[in-house]
Protein backbone atom coordinates (compact mmCIF):
# COMPACT_ATOMS: atom_id res chain seq x y z
CA MET A 1 -291.70 151.74 -73.13
CA ASN A 2 -291.87 154.03 -70.56
CA PRO A 3 -293.03 157.49 -71.65
CA PHE A 4 -290.64 158.99 -69.27
CA TYR A 5 -287.83 157.40 -70.29
CA THR A 6 -288.58 158.34 -73.74
CA ILE A 7 -288.94 162.01 -72.81
CA TYR A 8 -285.73 161.77 -71.24
CA ARG A 9 -283.92 160.65 -74.34
CA ASP A 10 -285.27 163.02 -76.18
CA PHE A 11 -284.23 165.88 -73.92
CA LYS A 12 -280.78 164.33 -73.91
CA ALA A 13 -280.79 164.48 -77.75
CA TYR A 14 -280.65 168.09 -77.43
CA PHE A 15 -277.27 167.87 -75.61
CA GLU A 16 -276.00 165.45 -77.85
CA ARG A 17 -276.48 167.19 -81.20
CA ASP A 18 -277.20 170.81 -80.54
CA PRO A 19 -273.33 173.11 -79.97
CA ALA A 20 -276.18 175.66 -78.75
CA ALA A 21 -277.18 173.40 -76.03
CA GLN A 22 -274.02 173.04 -74.30
CA THR A 23 -273.84 175.66 -72.10
CA PRO A 24 -273.95 176.47 -68.34
CA LEU A 25 -277.43 177.40 -68.67
CA GLY A 26 -278.25 174.74 -71.00
CA VAL A 27 -280.84 172.79 -69.11
CA LEU A 28 -282.73 175.82 -68.62
CA GLU A 29 -282.62 177.16 -72.29
CA VAL A 30 -283.78 173.71 -73.66
CA ILE A 31 -286.48 173.48 -71.17
CA LEU A 32 -287.72 177.07 -71.64
CA LEU A 33 -286.80 178.32 -75.15
CA TYR A 34 -286.36 175.18 -77.73
CA SER A 35 -289.40 175.29 -79.57
CA GLY A 36 -288.78 171.91 -80.91
CA PHE A 37 -288.24 170.21 -77.67
CA HIS A 38 -291.73 171.77 -76.59
CA ALA A 39 -292.88 170.35 -79.62
CA VAL A 40 -291.86 167.21 -78.86
CA PHE A 41 -292.70 166.67 -75.55
CA TRP A 42 -296.43 167.66 -76.05
CA TYR A 43 -296.41 165.32 -78.90
CA ARG A 44 -295.29 162.68 -76.35
CA ILE A 45 -298.06 163.33 -74.01
CA ASN A 46 -300.81 164.10 -76.84
CA HIS A 47 -299.50 160.25 -78.65
CA PHE A 48 -299.92 158.83 -74.94
CA LEU A 49 -303.57 160.02 -75.21
CA HIS A 50 -304.32 158.99 -78.50
CA ARG A 51 -303.31 155.43 -77.50
CA LEU A 52 -305.69 155.71 -75.15
CA ARG A 53 -308.41 156.44 -77.72
CA ILE A 54 -309.38 159.83 -76.24
CA PRO A 55 -311.37 161.54 -78.55
CA PHE A 56 -310.84 165.52 -79.70
CA ILE A 57 -308.45 166.56 -76.69
CA PRO A 58 -305.25 165.30 -78.42
CA ARG A 59 -305.68 166.57 -82.05
CA LEU A 60 -306.80 170.01 -80.16
CA MET A 61 -303.61 170.26 -78.32
CA SER A 62 -301.49 169.34 -80.92
CA GLN A 63 -302.71 172.45 -82.95
CA LEU A 64 -302.04 174.50 -79.94
CA VAL A 65 -298.78 173.18 -79.69
CA ARG A 66 -298.36 174.13 -83.87
CA PHE A 67 -299.61 177.71 -82.76
CA PHE A 68 -296.89 178.22 -80.48
CA THR A 69 -294.14 176.31 -82.09
CA GLY A 70 -294.82 176.43 -85.84
CA VAL A 71 -294.69 172.42 -85.94
CA GLU A 72 -297.28 170.29 -86.67
CA ILE A 73 -297.25 166.44 -85.06
CA HIS A 74 -300.11 164.56 -85.64
CA PRO A 75 -301.05 162.40 -82.30
CA GLY A 76 -301.36 159.30 -84.33
CA ALA A 77 -297.73 159.43 -85.32
CA SER A 78 -295.13 156.92 -84.19
CA ILE A 79 -291.83 157.99 -83.23
CA GLY A 80 -288.91 156.38 -80.82
CA PRO A 81 -286.46 157.87 -78.30
CA GLY A 82 -284.16 160.50 -78.89
CA PHE A 83 -286.21 162.14 -81.59
CA PHE A 84 -284.47 165.99 -82.12
CA ILE A 85 -286.28 168.30 -83.99
CA ASP A 86 -283.79 171.74 -84.66
CA HIS A 87 -285.28 175.08 -84.71
CA GLY A 88 -288.52 173.37 -86.08
CA MET A 89 -290.68 175.85 -87.86
CA GLY A 90 -292.54 174.39 -90.47
CA VAL A 91 -292.44 170.51 -89.86
CA VAL A 92 -294.89 168.51 -90.72
CA ILE A 93 -295.39 165.12 -89.38
CA GLY A 94 -298.67 163.28 -90.65
CA GLU A 95 -301.02 160.60 -89.13
CA THR A 96 -299.54 157.33 -90.13
CA THR A 97 -295.63 158.14 -89.87
CA GLU A 98 -293.65 155.73 -88.19
CA ALA A 99 -290.22 156.21 -87.38
CA GLY A 100 -287.23 154.40 -85.32
CA GLU A 101 -284.85 155.75 -82.55
CA ASN A 102 -282.67 158.92 -82.73
CA ILE A 103 -284.78 160.61 -85.59
CA THR A 104 -283.01 164.14 -86.18
CA LEU A 105 -285.04 166.66 -88.50
CA TYR A 106 -284.52 170.23 -89.38
CA GLN A 107 -286.73 172.92 -90.11
CA GLY A 108 -289.30 173.09 -92.74
CA VAL A 109 -289.39 168.85 -93.02
CA THR A 110 -292.49 167.11 -93.88
CA LEU A 111 -293.04 163.64 -93.28
CA GLY A 112 -296.25 163.89 -95.61
CA GLY A 113 -298.94 161.52 -97.52
CA THR A 114 -299.84 161.52 -101.24
CA GLY A 115 -303.58 161.20 -102.59
CA THR A 116 -306.84 160.54 -100.30
CA ALA A 117 -306.49 157.12 -99.74
CA ARG A 118 -306.94 155.82 -96.14
CA GLY A 119 -304.73 153.40 -94.20
CA LYS A 120 -301.03 153.48 -94.27
CA ARG A 121 -299.98 156.66 -96.48
CA HIS A 122 -297.35 158.58 -94.48
CA PRO A 123 -293.70 156.93 -94.62
CA THR A 124 -291.48 154.39 -92.47
CA LEU A 125 -288.29 155.97 -90.89
CA GLY A 126 -285.32 153.71 -89.56
CA SER A 127 -283.47 154.61 -86.88
CA ASN A 128 -280.43 157.09 -86.88
CA VAL A 129 -281.94 159.02 -90.17
CA VAL A 130 -281.22 162.79 -91.02
CA VAL A 131 -283.53 164.74 -92.77
CA GLY A 132 -282.15 168.25 -93.89
CA ALA A 133 -283.80 171.47 -93.80
CA GLY A 134 -286.91 171.64 -96.07
CA ALA A 135 -286.71 168.06 -97.29
CA LYS A 136 -290.05 166.26 -98.08
CA VAL A 137 -290.70 162.49 -97.47
CA LEU A 138 -294.02 161.85 -99.25
CA GLY A 139 -295.99 158.72 -99.49
CA ASN A 140 -296.15 155.22 -97.55
CA ILE A 141 -292.47 154.69 -98.36
CA LYS A 142 -289.77 153.10 -96.22
CA ILE A 143 -286.33 154.99 -95.27
CA GLY A 144 -283.68 152.58 -94.29
CA ASN A 145 -281.43 152.73 -90.87
CA ASN A 146 -278.72 155.27 -91.02
CA VAL A 147 -280.31 157.39 -94.38
CA LYS A 148 -279.17 161.09 -94.61
CA ILE A 149 -281.40 163.01 -96.57
CA GLY A 150 -280.18 166.40 -98.53
CA ALA A 151 -281.78 169.75 -97.50
CA GLY A 152 -284.17 170.46 -100.10
CA SER A 153 -285.22 167.05 -101.26
CA VAL A 154 -287.93 165.21 -102.00
CA VAL A 155 -288.47 161.51 -101.53
CA VAL A 156 -290.92 159.62 -103.01
CA HIS A 157 -289.38 156.48 -103.33
CA SER A 158 -288.23 154.02 -100.81
CA VAL A 159 -284.40 154.34 -99.72
CA PRO A 160 -282.13 151.28 -97.95
CA ASP A 161 -280.10 151.34 -95.07
CA ASN A 162 -276.67 153.31 -95.10
CA CYS A 163 -277.52 155.91 -98.10
CA THR A 164 -277.01 159.29 -98.88
CA VAL A 165 -280.23 160.70 -101.04
CA VAL A 166 -280.24 164.17 -102.40
CA GLY A 167 -282.43 166.10 -105.24
CA VAL A 168 -285.89 166.55 -106.86
CA PRO A 169 -286.80 163.78 -107.04
CA ALA A 170 -284.23 162.37 -104.54
CA VAL A 171 -281.67 159.75 -106.01
CA ILE A 172 -279.03 158.12 -104.05
CA VAL A 173 -275.55 159.68 -104.38
CA ARG A 174 -273.48 157.48 -101.43
CA LYS A 175 -274.05 154.11 -100.01
CA GLU A 176 -272.00 152.83 -97.42
CA GLY A 177 -271.61 149.00 -97.15
CA SER A 178 -270.73 149.31 -93.19
CA ARG A 179 -273.08 150.39 -90.45
CA VAL A 180 -273.34 153.75 -89.38
CA SER A 181 -272.36 153.35 -85.60
CA LYS A 182 -273.86 156.96 -84.62
CA VAL A 183 -276.03 160.12 -85.98
CA ASN A 184 -273.92 161.89 -88.40
CA LEU A 185 -275.09 165.56 -88.48
CA ASP A 186 -272.92 166.70 -91.40
CA HIS A 187 -275.94 167.12 -93.77
CA GLY A 188 -274.45 170.19 -95.42
CA ASP A 189 -271.18 167.93 -96.77
CA LEU A 190 -272.98 166.37 -99.44
CA PRO A 191 -272.62 165.90 -103.09
CA ASP A 192 -273.69 168.58 -105.34
CA PRO A 193 -276.86 167.11 -107.55
CA VAL A 194 -276.39 169.87 -109.86
CA LYS A 195 -273.18 169.28 -110.57
CA ALA A 196 -273.77 165.59 -110.93
CA LEU A 197 -276.38 166.50 -113.23
CA LYS A 198 -274.12 169.10 -115.32
CA ASN A 199 -271.64 166.40 -115.72
CA ARG A 200 -274.27 163.63 -117.08
CA ILE A 201 -275.62 166.10 -119.56
CA ARG A 202 -271.99 166.95 -120.83
CA PHE A 203 -271.46 162.93 -120.94
CA LEU A 204 -274.84 162.56 -122.94
CA GLN A 205 -273.84 165.22 -125.51
CA LYS A 206 -270.65 163.31 -126.52
CA GLU A 207 -272.81 160.61 -127.20
CA ILE A 208 -275.36 162.66 -129.49
CA ASP A 209 -272.64 164.19 -131.16
CA SER A 210 -270.90 160.72 -131.92
CA LEU A 211 -274.06 159.31 -133.18
CA GLU A 212 -274.49 162.29 -135.34
CA GLU A 213 -271.07 161.90 -136.83
CA HIS A 214 -271.51 158.34 -137.19
CA VAL A 215 -275.09 159.13 -139.06
CA ARG A 216 -273.68 161.56 -141.43
CA ASN A 217 -270.69 159.06 -142.18
CA GLN A 218 -273.41 156.56 -143.17
CA GLN A 219 -275.12 159.28 -145.59
CA GLU A 220 -271.93 160.43 -147.47
CA PRO A 221 -271.85 158.74 -150.82
CA LYS A 222 -268.70 156.12 -151.60
CA LYS A 223 -266.79 157.08 -153.73
CA SER A 224 -266.08 154.76 -156.90
């Protein structure tokens, strides 16, 4: 894919998904003031150099970008166009990460590996994926298209298309049968996993009480 077109798609994403950029001076603000866009722009250049098998320089540049933006993207990661990082501080993306188009990451997101094994050890994301602030997606797992990952979640298992996951470890709390036509940024409007857990505990307590009552009835001596 043409790298200039890819950078254009990344740049355009900031105006599609960030209301703060939709101002008369929005173009200048994104170019000069948005650390997330700076990190994505230099990632594209570093990835291009990495694909040319140029040693050392892409990693050196990525470390300089990390110093100035707080975002660490390994040059070996493969990410489609329309890549949007909001605020950016604390974002880490590992070497063998693969991602489709229109990916949205909020601050503090990690697309990381587990263990010390070589080869594919980072996640693969489909297109139109939104990862909430502070979420961790770990290991060689697959995240489907149109998936939303709630803020603070830890995802260690694959997730099918059109799902919403939240929690530690993350579980599927919403699954839509229809395809999502566009990126949905309402990642704060998600079911409360704590409330769901409390309801489950209450249900289990009722089951335990019922079983204890049944056992007591069985142990009571029968009247002659």
